[in-house]
Amino acid sequence: MAALEQSLGKEASRVRFAMNAGMYDEEGAPIGLFIEDGAERKSLNTRSGSGNFHLLPNGVFAVDAEGRLSVTTSSRFRKEVPSPRWATQSGPMLVIDGKLHPKFDANGPSQLVRNGVGVRDPRTAFFVISEEGVSFGRFARFFRDALGCKDALYLDGSVSSLWDPGAGRQDAFSELGPMIVVLKRSGAAKAR
């Protein structure tokens, strides 16, 4: 996260939070869909394979041209989000139409720090990182039951990282792939 802060320069003072945002390869490039300000940098990945990304269904978090937020399965993405401005593909889906991913145990043996994103409505997204190891099932239930998200997406596991300047937190992982960075609006009113 320190590298992100350095690369943002003066803009770093506008960061509300930043979080790693999806699976990536050895060079740090996304292994699935990545759209940056309307430009598709990496295409949708629907290939089969091993690992969490390929625990189908996987999905896409997106912001469309009108600012609407969504989490959709990769298979429905092109139909449901015709004009994405920002998007990142990861997997597996945690919650799909209000149901937990069908392959999750209630509290399975894989207990890792995890981060993900859930969408409650087109204007409300929750970005969550666990403080300690948690199973996929428990993490998914948090999005569905505590936050009211009908759709949620797993972003990553043991490298899950957060930069939250307001809380004084900047995790130390430095070699991360795609990032979600939320900035304060430029020209935003100063604190009253």
N, C-alpha and C. Protein backbone atom coordinates (compact mmCIF):
# COMPACT_ATOMS: atom_id res chain seq x y z
N MET A 1 0.82 -1.19 0.00
CA MET A 1 0.00 0.00 0.00
C MET A 1 0.87 1.26 0.00
N ALA A 2 2.05 1.16 0.56
CA ALA A 2 2.95 2.31 0.54
C ALA A 2 3.32 2.68 -0.89
N ALA A 3 3.48 1.67 -1.76
CA ALA A 3 3.79 1.94 -3.16
C ALA A 3 2.63 2.67 -3.84
N LEU A 4 1.40 2.30 -3.50
CA LEU A 4 0.24 3.00 -4.04
C LEU A 4 0.24 4.45 -3.58
N GLU A 5 0.49 4.67 -2.31
CA GLU A 5 0.54 6.04 -1.79
C GLU A 5 1.58 6.86 -2.53
N GLN A 6 2.75 6.28 -2.75
CA GLN A 6 3.82 6.99 -3.46
C GLN A 6 3.41 7.29 -4.89
N SER A 7 2.78 6.32 -5.57
CA SER A 7 2.41 6.53 -6.97
C SER A 7 1.31 7.57 -7.13
N LEU A 8 0.48 7.75 -6.11
CA LEU A 8 -0.58 8.75 -6.18
C LEU A 8 -0.07 10.17 -5.96
N GLY A 9 1.09 10.30 -5.35
CA GLY A 9 1.66 11.63 -5.11
C GLY A 9 0.72 12.50 -4.30
N LYS A 10 0.45 13.74 -4.78
CA LYS A 10 -0.42 14.68 -4.05
C LYS A 10 -1.85 14.16 -3.91
N GLU A 11 -2.28 13.32 -4.85
CA GLU A 11 -3.63 12.77 -4.81
C GLU A 11 -3.83 11.83 -3.62
N ALA A 12 -2.76 11.36 -3.00
CA ALA A 12 -2.86 10.44 -1.87
C ALA A 12 -3.65 11.06 -0.71
N SER A 13 -3.64 12.37 -0.60
CA SER A 13 -4.40 13.03 0.47
C SER A 13 -5.90 12.91 0.28
N ARG A 14 -6.34 12.52 -0.92
CA ARG A 14 -7.77 12.36 -1.20
C ARG A 14 -8.28 10.93 -0.98
N VAL A 15 -7.38 9.99 -0.64
CA VAL A 15 -7.79 8.59 -0.49
C VAL A 15 -8.71 8.43 0.72
N ARG A 16 -9.89 7.87 0.45
CA ARG A 16 -10.81 7.48 1.53
C ARG A 16 -10.46 6.08 1.99
N PHE A 17 -10.25 5.17 1.02
CA PHE A 17 -9.71 3.85 1.32
C PHE A 17 -9.24 3.21 0.02
N ALA A 18 -8.38 2.22 0.16
CA ALA A 18 -7.92 1.41 -0.96
C ALA A 18 -7.86 -0.03 -0.50
N MET A 19 -8.15 -0.94 -1.43
CA MET A 19 -8.17 -2.37 -1.11
C MET A 19 -7.75 -3.15 -2.35
N ASN A 20 -7.03 -4.26 -2.13
CA ASN A 20 -6.71 -5.09 -3.29
C ASN A 20 -8.01 -5.64 -3.87
N ALA A 21 -8.02 -5.82 -5.20
CA ALA A 21 -9.31 -6.01 -5.88
C ALA A 21 -9.31 -7.15 -6.88
N GLY A 22 -8.93 -8.31 -6.49
CA GLY A 22 -9.05 -9.43 -7.40
C GLY A 22 -7.76 -10.19 -7.60
N MET A 23 -7.91 -11.33 -8.23
CA MET A 23 -6.79 -12.25 -8.42
C MET A 23 -5.85 -11.73 -9.51
N TYR A 24 -4.57 -12.08 -9.37
CA TYR A 24 -3.57 -11.59 -10.32
C TYR A 24 -2.50 -12.64 -10.53
N ASP A 25 -1.74 -12.50 -11.62
CA ASP A 25 -0.69 -13.46 -11.95
C ASP A 25 0.64 -13.06 -11.30
N GLU A 26 1.70 -13.78 -11.66
CA GLU A 26 3.02 -13.55 -11.06
C GLU A 26 3.57 -12.15 -11.33
N GLU A 27 3.14 -11.52 -12.42
CA GLU A 27 3.61 -10.17 -12.75
C GLU A 27 2.71 -9.08 -12.14
N GLY A 28 1.66 -9.48 -11.43
CA GLY A 28 0.75 -8.51 -10.82
C GLY A 28 -0.39 -8.08 -11.73
N ALA A 29 -0.52 -8.71 -12.90
CA ALA A 29 -1.59 -8.36 -13.83
C ALA A 29 -2.86 -9.15 -13.48
N PRO A 30 -4.03 -8.55 -13.67
CA PRO A 30 -5.28 -9.26 -13.37
C PRO A 30 -5.40 -10.52 -14.22
N ILE A 31 -5.98 -11.60 -13.64
CA ILE A 31 -6.20 -12.82 -14.42
C ILE A 31 -7.61 -12.86 -14.99
N GLY A 32 -8.42 -11.89 -14.62
CA GLY A 32 -9.77 -11.80 -15.15
C GLY A 32 -10.06 -10.40 -15.64
N LEU A 33 -11.30 -10.16 -15.97
CA LEU A 33 -11.73 -8.87 -16.52
C LEU A 33 -11.22 -7.70 -15.68
N PHE A 34 -10.70 -6.70 -16.36
CA PHE A 34 -10.29 -5.47 -15.69
C PHE A 34 -10.58 -4.31 -16.63
N ILE A 35 -11.49 -3.43 -16.20
CA ILE A 35 -11.85 -2.25 -16.98
C ILE A 35 -11.49 -1.04 -16.16
N GLU A 36 -10.73 -0.14 -16.77
CA GLU A 36 -10.25 1.06 -16.09
C GLU A 36 -10.72 2.28 -16.87
N ASP A 37 -11.60 3.06 -16.25
CA ASP A 37 -12.14 4.28 -16.85
C ASP A 37 -12.65 4.03 -18.28
N GLY A 38 -13.41 2.94 -18.44
CA GLY A 38 -14.02 2.60 -19.72
C GLY A 38 -13.17 1.80 -20.67
N ALA A 39 -11.88 1.65 -20.39
CA ALA A 39 -10.98 0.91 -21.28
C ALA A 39 -10.77 -0.50 -20.73
N GLU A 40 -11.09 -1.50 -21.55
CA GLU A 40 -10.90 -2.89 -21.13
C GLU A 40 -9.44 -3.26 -21.24
N ARG A 41 -8.81 -3.46 -20.08
CA ARG A 41 -7.38 -3.79 -20.03
C ARG A 41 -7.14 -5.30 -20.08
N LYS A 42 -8.12 -6.07 -19.62
CA LYS A 42 -8.03 -7.54 -19.62
C LYS A 42 -9.45 -8.05 -19.87
N SER A 43 -9.58 -9.07 -20.71
CA SER A 43 -10.91 -9.56 -21.08
C SER A 43 -11.47 -10.52 -20.01
N LEU A 44 -12.77 -10.74 -20.10
CA LEU A 44 -13.47 -11.64 -19.18
C LEU A 44 -12.87 -13.04 -19.30
N ASN A 45 -12.57 -13.65 -18.16
CA ASN A 45 -11.95 -14.97 -18.11
C ASN A 45 -13.02 -15.98 -17.71
N THR A 46 -13.42 -16.84 -18.65
CA THR A 46 -14.41 -17.87 -18.36
C THR A 46 -13.80 -19.27 -18.48
N ARG A 47 -12.48 -19.33 -18.53
CA ARG A 47 -11.80 -20.63 -18.61
C ARG A 47 -11.91 -21.38 -17.28
N SER A 48 -11.82 -22.70 -17.35
CA SER A 48 -11.79 -23.49 -16.12
C SER A 48 -10.36 -23.59 -15.63
N GLY A 49 -10.21 -23.93 -14.37
CA GLY A 49 -8.88 -24.05 -13.80
C GLY A 49 -8.98 -24.36 -12.32
N SER A 50 -7.85 -24.29 -11.64
CA SER A 50 -7.82 -24.57 -10.21
C SER A 50 -7.79 -23.26 -9.42
N GLY A 51 -7.98 -23.36 -8.14
CA GLY A 51 -7.90 -22.21 -7.26
C GLY A 51 -9.22 -21.50 -7.09
N ASN A 52 -9.23 -20.55 -6.18
CA ASN A 52 -10.47 -19.84 -5.83
C ASN A 52 -11.12 -19.12 -7.00
N PHE A 53 -10.32 -18.51 -7.86
CA PHE A 53 -10.87 -17.77 -9.00
C PHE A 53 -11.80 -18.65 -9.82
N HIS A 54 -11.46 -19.91 -9.96
CA HIS A 54 -12.20 -20.84 -10.81
C HIS A 54 -13.23 -21.66 -10.04
N LEU A 55 -13.48 -21.33 -8.78
CA LEU A 55 -14.56 -21.98 -8.03
C LEU A 55 -15.86 -21.32 -8.49
N LEU A 56 -16.43 -21.89 -9.54
CA LEU A 56 -17.56 -21.26 -10.23
C LEU A 56 -18.86 -21.37 -9.44
N PRO A 57 -19.71 -20.35 -9.54
CA PRO A 57 -19.52 -19.17 -10.37
C PRO A 57 -18.60 -18.14 -9.71
N ASN A 58 -17.77 -17.52 -10.55
CA ASN A 58 -17.02 -16.36 -10.09
C ASN A 58 -17.79 -15.13 -10.56
N GLY A 59 -17.24 -13.93 -10.35
CA GLY A 59 -18.05 -12.76 -10.66
C GLY A 59 -17.26 -11.50 -10.93
N VAL A 60 -18.02 -10.42 -11.11
CA VAL A 60 -17.45 -9.12 -11.47
C VAL A 60 -18.10 -8.04 -10.60
N PHE A 61 -17.26 -7.21 -10.00
CA PHE A 61 -17.72 -5.98 -9.37
C PHE A 61 -17.55 -4.88 -10.40
N ALA A 62 -18.59 -4.07 -10.59
CA ALA A 62 -18.50 -3.02 -11.62
C ALA A 62 -19.21 -1.75 -11.19
N VAL A 63 -18.77 -0.67 -11.79
CA VAL A 63 -19.44 0.63 -11.72
C VAL A 63 -19.72 1.00 -13.16
N ASP A 64 -21.00 1.25 -13.47
CA ASP A 64 -21.32 1.56 -14.87
C ASP A 64 -21.18 3.05 -15.16
N ALA A 65 -21.45 3.43 -16.39
CA ALA A 65 -21.27 4.82 -16.83
C ALA A 65 -22.15 5.80 -16.07
N GLU A 66 -23.23 5.30 -15.46
CA GLU A 66 -24.14 6.16 -14.68
C GLU A 66 -23.80 6.14 -13.19
N GLY A 67 -22.76 5.42 -12.79
CA GLY A 67 -22.36 5.35 -11.39
C GLY A 67 -23.05 4.26 -10.59
N ARG A 68 -23.83 3.40 -11.27
CA ARG A 68 -24.50 2.30 -10.56
C ARG A 68 -23.51 1.19 -10.27
N LEU A 69 -23.63 0.62 -9.08
CA LEU A 69 -22.74 -0.44 -8.61
C LEU A 69 -23.40 -1.79 -8.79
N SER A 70 -22.59 -2.81 -9.09
CA SER A 70 -23.14 -4.16 -9.22
C SER A 70 -22.09 -5.20 -8.92
N VAL A 71 -22.56 -6.33 -8.46
CA VAL A 71 -21.79 -7.57 -8.40
C VAL A 71 -22.64 -8.59 -9.14
N THR A 72 -22.09 -9.17 -10.20
CA THR A 72 -22.82 -10.16 -10.99
C THR A 72 -21.92 -11.34 -11.29
N THR A 73 -22.53 -12.48 -11.56
CA THR A 73 -21.74 -13.63 -11.98
C THR A 73 -21.10 -13.29 -13.32
N SER A 74 -19.96 -13.88 -13.57
CA SER A 74 -19.26 -13.60 -14.83
C SER A 74 -20.11 -13.97 -16.05
N SER A 75 -20.89 -15.04 -15.92
CA SER A 75 -21.71 -15.48 -17.05
C SER A 75 -22.83 -14.48 -17.39
N ARG A 76 -23.27 -13.68 -16.42
CA ARG A 76 -24.35 -12.71 -16.66
C ARG A 76 -23.84 -11.29 -16.84
N PHE A 77 -22.54 -11.07 -16.66
CA PHE A 77 -22.01 -9.71 -16.62
C PHE A 77 -22.31 -8.90 -17.87
N ARG A 78 -21.98 -9.39 -19.04
CA ARG A 78 -22.15 -8.61 -20.28
C ARG A 78 -23.61 -8.23 -20.51
N LYS A 79 -24.54 -9.10 -20.12
CA LYS A 79 -25.96 -8.84 -20.29
C LYS A 79 -26.46 -7.79 -19.29
N GLU A 80 -25.97 -7.86 -18.06
CA GLU A 80 -26.49 -7.02 -16.99
C GLU A 80 -25.78 -5.68 -16.84
N VAL A 81 -24.56 -5.56 -17.34
CA VAL A 81 -23.80 -4.31 -17.23
C VAL A 81 -23.31 -3.94 -18.63
N PRO A 82 -24.17 -3.34 -19.44
CA PRO A 82 -23.80 -3.07 -20.83
C PRO A 82 -22.74 -1.99 -21.03
N SER A 83 -22.61 -1.06 -20.07
CA SER A 83 -21.64 0.02 -20.26
C SER A 83 -20.80 0.24 -19.00
N PRO A 84 -19.92 -0.74 -18.67
CA PRO A 84 -19.09 -0.58 -17.47
C PRO A 84 -18.02 0.49 -17.64
N ARG A 85 -17.83 1.25 -16.59
CA ARG A 85 -16.73 2.22 -16.58
C ARG A 85 -15.53 1.66 -15.82
N TRP A 86 -15.83 0.94 -14.74
CA TRP A 86 -14.80 0.31 -13.92
C TRP A 86 -15.28 -1.11 -13.64
N ALA A 87 -14.38 -2.09 -13.68
CA ALA A 87 -14.78 -3.47 -13.36
C ALA A 87 -13.56 -4.30 -13.00
N THR A 88 -13.77 -5.24 -12.09
CA THR A 88 -12.74 -6.21 -11.74
C THR A 88 -13.41 -7.55 -11.53
N GLN A 89 -12.82 -8.60 -12.10
CA GLN A 89 -13.33 -9.96 -11.98
C GLN A 89 -12.53 -10.69 -10.92
N SER A 90 -13.22 -11.46 -10.10
CA SER A 90 -12.56 -12.27 -9.09
C SER A 90 -13.44 -13.48 -8.82
N GLY A 91 -13.11 -14.20 -7.79
CA GLY A 91 -13.95 -15.34 -7.48
C GLY A 91 -13.43 -16.10 -6.29
N PRO A 92 -14.35 -16.83 -5.72
CA PRO A 92 -15.71 -17.13 -6.16
C PRO A 92 -16.71 -16.06 -5.73
N MET A 93 -17.91 -16.13 -6.32
CA MET A 93 -19.02 -15.35 -5.78
C MET A 93 -19.24 -15.84 -4.35
N LEU A 94 -19.61 -14.95 -3.46
CA LEU A 94 -19.94 -15.33 -2.08
C LEU A 94 -21.44 -15.51 -1.93
N VAL A 95 -22.19 -14.53 -2.45
CA VAL A 95 -23.65 -14.53 -2.39
C VAL A 95 -24.16 -14.27 -3.80
N ILE A 96 -25.12 -15.08 -4.24
CA ILE A 96 -25.69 -14.97 -5.58
C ILE A 96 -27.20 -14.91 -5.45
N ASP A 97 -27.79 -13.77 -5.78
CA ASP A 97 -29.24 -13.59 -5.67
C ASP A 97 -29.76 -13.99 -4.30
N GLY A 98 -29.02 -13.62 -3.25
CA GLY A 98 -29.44 -13.88 -1.88
C GLY A 98 -29.11 -15.27 -1.34
N LYS A 99 -28.49 -16.11 -2.16
CA LYS A 99 -28.12 -17.46 -1.72
C LYS A 99 -26.61 -17.58 -1.64
N LEU A 100 -26.14 -18.37 -0.68
CA LEU A 100 -24.70 -18.58 -0.55
C LEU A 100 -24.20 -19.45 -1.69
N HIS A 101 -22.94 -19.27 -2.04
CA HIS A 101 -22.31 -20.09 -3.08
C HIS A 101 -22.59 -21.56 -2.75
N PRO A 102 -23.02 -22.36 -3.72
CA PRO A 102 -23.43 -23.73 -3.43
C PRO A 102 -22.33 -24.66 -2.95
N LYS A 103 -21.07 -24.30 -3.14
CA LYS A 103 -19.97 -25.20 -2.73
C LYS A 103 -19.39 -24.85 -1.36
N PHE A 104 -19.95 -23.87 -0.68
CA PHE A 104 -19.42 -23.48 0.64
C PHE A 104 -20.02 -24.33 1.74
N ASP A 105 -19.16 -24.74 2.69
CA ASP A 105 -19.63 -25.34 3.93
C ASP A 105 -20.02 -24.19 4.87
N ALA A 106 -20.81 -24.50 5.87
CA ALA A 106 -21.22 -23.47 6.83
C ALA A 106 -20.00 -22.81 7.47
N ASN A 107 -19.00 -23.62 7.81
CA ASN A 107 -17.79 -23.09 8.41
C ASN A 107 -16.64 -24.02 8.05
N GLY A 108 -16.20 -23.95 6.80
CA GLY A 108 -15.21 -24.88 6.27
C GLY A 108 -13.83 -24.73 6.88
N PRO A 109 -12.92 -25.64 6.49
CA PRO A 109 -11.60 -25.69 7.09
C PRO A 109 -10.64 -24.57 6.66
N SER A 110 -10.89 -23.94 5.51
CA SER A 110 -10.01 -22.87 5.04
C SER A 110 -10.34 -21.59 5.81
N GLN A 111 -9.44 -21.21 6.70
CA GLN A 111 -9.65 -20.04 7.55
C GLN A 111 -8.53 -19.04 7.27
N LEU A 112 -8.84 -18.02 6.46
CA LEU A 112 -7.85 -17.01 6.08
C LEU A 112 -8.42 -15.62 6.30
N VAL A 113 -7.53 -14.64 6.40
CA VAL A 113 -7.99 -13.26 6.30
C VAL A 113 -8.51 -13.12 4.88
N ARG A 114 -9.69 -12.52 4.72
CA ARG A 114 -10.32 -12.42 3.40
C ARG A 114 -10.85 -11.01 3.19
N ASN A 115 -10.92 -10.61 1.93
CA ASN A 115 -11.61 -9.36 1.62
C ASN A 115 -12.58 -9.59 0.48
N GLY A 116 -13.62 -8.76 0.44
CA GLY A 116 -14.63 -8.91 -0.59
C GLY A 116 -15.46 -7.66 -0.71
N VAL A 117 -16.40 -7.69 -1.65
CA VAL A 117 -17.31 -6.57 -1.89
C VAL A 117 -18.71 -7.12 -2.07
N GLY A 118 -19.66 -6.45 -1.45
CA GLY A 118 -21.07 -6.80 -1.62
C GLY A 118 -21.86 -5.57 -2.00
N VAL A 119 -22.92 -5.77 -2.76
CA VAL A 119 -23.77 -4.67 -3.20
C VAL A 119 -25.18 -4.88 -2.66
N ARG A 120 -25.68 -3.89 -1.94
CA ARG A 120 -27.04 -3.96 -1.40
C ARG A 120 -28.04 -3.37 -2.38
N ASP A 121 -27.64 -2.30 -3.06
CA ASP A 121 -28.47 -1.66 -4.08
C ASP A 121 -27.53 -0.93 -5.02
N PRO A 122 -28.03 -0.37 -6.13
CA PRO A 122 -27.12 0.24 -7.11
C PRO A 122 -26.29 1.43 -6.62
N ARG A 123 -26.55 1.91 -5.42
CA ARG A 123 -25.77 3.03 -4.87
C ARG A 123 -25.01 2.67 -3.61
N THR A 124 -25.11 1.40 -3.15
CA THR A 124 -24.50 1.02 -1.88
C THR A 124 -23.66 -0.24 -2.02
N ALA A 125 -22.36 -0.09 -1.84
CA ALA A 125 -21.43 -1.23 -1.84
C ALA A 125 -20.72 -1.26 -0.50
N PHE A 126 -20.45 -2.46 -0.02
CA PHE A 126 -19.68 -2.65 1.21
C PHE A 126 -18.40 -3.39 0.87
N PHE A 127 -17.27 -2.79 1.25
CA PHE A 127 -15.98 -3.42 1.10
C PHE A 127 -15.56 -3.91 2.47
N VAL A 128 -15.27 -5.20 2.59
CA VAL A 128 -15.03 -5.81 3.90
C VAL A 128 -13.71 -6.54 3.88
N ILE A 129 -12.97 -6.41 4.97
CA ILE A 129 -11.76 -7.21 5.18
C ILE A 129 -11.87 -7.78 6.59
N SER A 130 -11.59 -9.08 6.73
CA SER A 130 -11.68 -9.69 8.05
C SER A 130 -10.43 -9.34 8.87
N GLU A 131 -10.58 -9.31 10.15
CA GLU A 131 -9.45 -9.02 11.05
C GLU A 131 -8.65 -10.28 11.34
N GLU A 132 -9.29 -11.43 11.16
CA GLU A 132 -8.63 -12.71 11.43
C GLU A 132 -9.15 -13.72 10.42
N GLY A 133 -8.61 -14.95 10.48
CA GLY A 133 -9.03 -15.99 9.56
C GLY A 133 -10.52 -16.29 9.68
N VAL A 134 -11.16 -16.46 8.53
CA VAL A 134 -12.59 -16.73 8.50
C VAL A 134 -12.87 -17.66 7.31
N SER A 135 -13.86 -18.52 7.44
CA SER A 135 -14.22 -19.43 6.36
C SER A 135 -15.01 -18.69 5.28
N PHE A 136 -15.07 -19.28 4.10
CA PHE A 136 -15.90 -18.71 3.03
C PHE A 136 -17.36 -18.61 3.48
N GLY A 137 -17.88 -19.67 4.10
CA GLY A 137 -19.28 -19.67 4.52
C GLY A 137 -19.60 -18.55 5.49
N ARG A 138 -18.77 -18.38 6.49
CA ARG A 138 -19.00 -17.32 7.49
C ARG A 138 -18.88 -15.93 6.84
N PHE A 139 -17.88 -15.77 5.97
CA PHE A 139 -17.67 -14.49 5.30
C PHE A 139 -18.89 -14.16 4.42
N ALA A 140 -19.38 -15.15 3.68
CA ALA A 140 -20.55 -14.95 2.82
C ALA A 140 -21.79 -14.60 3.64
N ARG A 141 -21.99 -15.29 4.76
CA ARG A 141 -23.17 -15.00 5.60
C ARG A 141 -23.11 -13.58 6.16
N PHE A 142 -21.91 -13.08 6.45
CA PHE A 142 -21.80 -11.71 6.93
C PHE A 142 -22.35 -10.73 5.89
N PHE A 143 -21.96 -10.91 4.64
CA PHE A 143 -22.47 -10.02 3.58
C PHE A 143 -23.99 -10.14 3.46
N ARG A 144 -24.49 -11.36 3.44
CA ARG A 144 -25.93 -11.56 3.24
C ARG A 144 -26.75 -11.16 4.47
N ASP A 145 -26.37 -11.69 5.64
CA ASP A 145 -27.22 -11.55 6.82
C ASP A 145 -26.99 -10.25 7.58
N ALA A 146 -25.75 -9.81 7.71
CA ALA A 146 -25.47 -8.60 8.48
C ALA A 146 -25.56 -7.33 7.63
N LEU A 147 -25.16 -7.41 6.36
CA LEU A 147 -25.11 -6.22 5.52
C LEU A 147 -26.26 -6.14 4.52
N GLY A 148 -27.02 -7.22 4.36
CA GLY A 148 -28.18 -7.21 3.46
C GLY A 148 -27.81 -7.19 1.99
N CYS A 149 -26.67 -7.78 1.64
CA CYS A 149 -26.24 -7.81 0.24
C CYS A 149 -26.81 -9.05 -0.45
N LYS A 150 -27.52 -8.85 -1.55
CA LYS A 150 -28.03 -10.01 -2.28
C LYS A 150 -26.96 -10.60 -3.20
N ASP A 151 -25.90 -9.84 -3.46
CA ASP A 151 -24.78 -10.33 -4.26
C ASP A 151 -23.48 -9.85 -3.63
N ALA A 152 -22.51 -10.76 -3.52
CA ALA A 152 -21.20 -10.41 -2.96
C ALA A 152 -20.13 -11.25 -3.62
N LEU A 153 -18.93 -10.69 -3.70
CA LEU A 153 -17.81 -11.29 -4.41
C LEU A 153 -16.57 -11.33 -3.53
N TYR A 154 -15.91 -12.47 -3.52
CA TYR A 154 -14.63 -12.64 -2.84
C TYR A 154 -13.56 -11.96 -3.68
N LEU A 155 -12.73 -11.16 -3.06
CA LEU A 155 -11.65 -10.50 -3.79
C LEU A 155 -10.33 -11.23 -3.62
N ASP A 156 -9.95 -11.57 -2.38
CA ASP A 156 -8.69 -12.30 -2.20
C ASP A 156 -8.61 -12.87 -0.79
N GLY A 157 -7.51 -13.59 -0.54
CA GLY A 157 -7.33 -14.27 0.72
C GLY A 157 -6.17 -13.75 1.53
N SER A 158 -5.16 -14.55 1.72
CA SER A 158 -4.11 -14.24 2.68
C SER A 158 -3.37 -12.93 2.42
N VAL A 159 -3.42 -12.39 1.20
CA VAL A 159 -2.77 -11.11 0.94
C VAL A 159 -3.74 -9.93 1.08
N SER A 160 -4.96 -10.19 1.51
CA SER A 160 -5.96 -9.12 1.63
C SER A 160 -5.38 -7.93 2.37
N SER A 161 -5.54 -6.75 1.76
CA SER A 161 -4.90 -5.55 2.30
C SER A 161 -5.82 -4.35 2.22
N LEU A 162 -5.66 -3.47 3.19
CA LEU A 162 -6.48 -2.26 3.28
C LEU A 162 -5.61 -1.07 3.61
N TRP A 163 -5.93 0.05 2.98
CA TRP A 163 -5.36 1.34 3.36
C TRP A 163 -6.55 2.22 3.72
N ASP A 164 -6.64 2.56 4.99
CA ASP A 164 -7.73 3.38 5.51
C ASP A 164 -7.11 4.54 6.29
N PRO A 165 -6.82 5.66 5.60
CA PRO A 165 -6.16 6.77 6.28
C PRO A 165 -6.91 7.28 7.51
N GLY A 166 -8.24 7.29 7.45
CA GLY A 166 -9.04 7.78 8.58
C GLY A 166 -8.85 6.96 9.84
N ALA A 167 -8.57 5.67 9.67
CA ALA A 167 -8.35 4.78 10.82
C ALA A 167 -6.86 4.60 11.11
N GLY A 168 -6.01 5.24 10.30
CA GLY A 168 -4.57 5.11 10.51
C GLY A 168 -4.05 3.73 10.13
N ARG A 169 -4.72 3.06 9.20
CA ARG A 169 -4.30 1.71 8.81
C ARG A 169 -3.73 1.72 7.39
N GLN A 170 -2.57 1.11 7.24
CA GLN A 170 -1.97 0.91 5.93
C GLN A 170 -1.24 -0.43 5.98
N ASP A 171 -1.90 -1.48 5.47
CA ASP A 171 -1.30 -2.81 5.51
C ASP A 171 -0.02 -2.84 4.68
N ALA A 172 0.88 -3.74 5.05
CA ALA A 172 2.23 -3.71 4.52
C ALA A 172 2.45 -4.51 3.23
N PHE A 173 1.48 -5.30 2.76
CA PHE A 173 1.71 -6.05 1.52
C PHE A 173 2.03 -5.07 0.41
N SER A 174 3.12 -5.33 -0.31
CA SER A 174 3.53 -4.37 -1.34
C SER A 174 3.34 -4.89 -2.75
N GLU A 175 3.32 -6.19 -2.94
CA GLU A 175 3.20 -6.73 -4.29
C GLU A 175 1.79 -7.24 -4.51
N LEU A 176 0.89 -6.32 -4.83
CA LEU A 176 -0.51 -6.64 -5.06
C LEU A 176 -0.87 -6.33 -6.49
N GLY A 177 -1.90 -6.97 -7.00
CA GLY A 177 -2.37 -6.74 -8.36
C GLY A 177 -3.34 -5.58 -8.42
N PRO A 178 -4.51 -5.79 -9.02
CA PRO A 178 -5.49 -4.71 -9.16
C PRO A 178 -5.90 -4.14 -7.81
N MET A 179 -6.20 -2.85 -7.82
CA MET A 179 -6.60 -2.15 -6.59
C MET A 179 -7.89 -1.37 -6.83
N ILE A 180 -8.71 -1.29 -5.79
CA ILE A 180 -9.85 -0.38 -5.78
C ILE A 180 -9.43 0.78 -4.89
N VAL A 181 -9.50 1.98 -5.43
CA VAL A 181 -9.14 3.18 -4.68
C VAL A 181 -10.33 4.13 -4.73
N VAL A 182 -10.83 4.50 -3.57
CA VAL A 182 -11.94 5.46 -3.49
C VAL A 182 -11.38 6.77 -2.98
N LEU A 183 -11.58 7.82 -3.78
CA LEU A 183 -11.05 9.14 -3.46
C LEU A 183 -12.17 10.08 -3.03
N LYS A 184 -11.82 11.02 -2.17
CA LYS A 184 -12.74 12.12 -1.88
C LYS A 184 -12.89 12.93 -3.15
N ARG A 185 -14.06 13.48 -3.36
CA ARG A 185 -14.27 14.32 -4.55
C ARG A 185 -13.31 15.50 -4.50
N SER A 186 -12.76 15.86 -5.65
CA SER A 186 -11.88 17.03 -5.67
C SER A 186 -12.76 18.26 -5.46
N GLY A 187 -12.25 19.19 -4.72
CA GLY A 187 -13.02 20.40 -4.40
C GLY A 187 -14.08 20.15 -3.34
N ALA A 188 -14.01 18.99 -2.65
CA ALA A 188 -15.00 18.69 -1.62
C ALA A 188 -14.90 19.71 -0.49
N ALA A 189 -16.04 19.96 0.12
CA ALA A 189 -16.07 20.94 1.21
C ALA A 189 -15.16 20.50 2.34
N LYS A 190 -14.50 21.46 2.94
CA LYS A 190 -13.63 21.17 4.09
C LYS A 190 -14.49 20.85 5.30
N ALA A 191 -13.89 20.19 6.29
CA ALA A 191 -14.60 19.87 7.53
C ALA A 191 -15.13 21.15 8.15
N ARG A 192 -16.32 21.06 8.69
CA ARG A 192 -16.96 22.25 9.25
C ARG A 192 -16.51 22.55 10.64
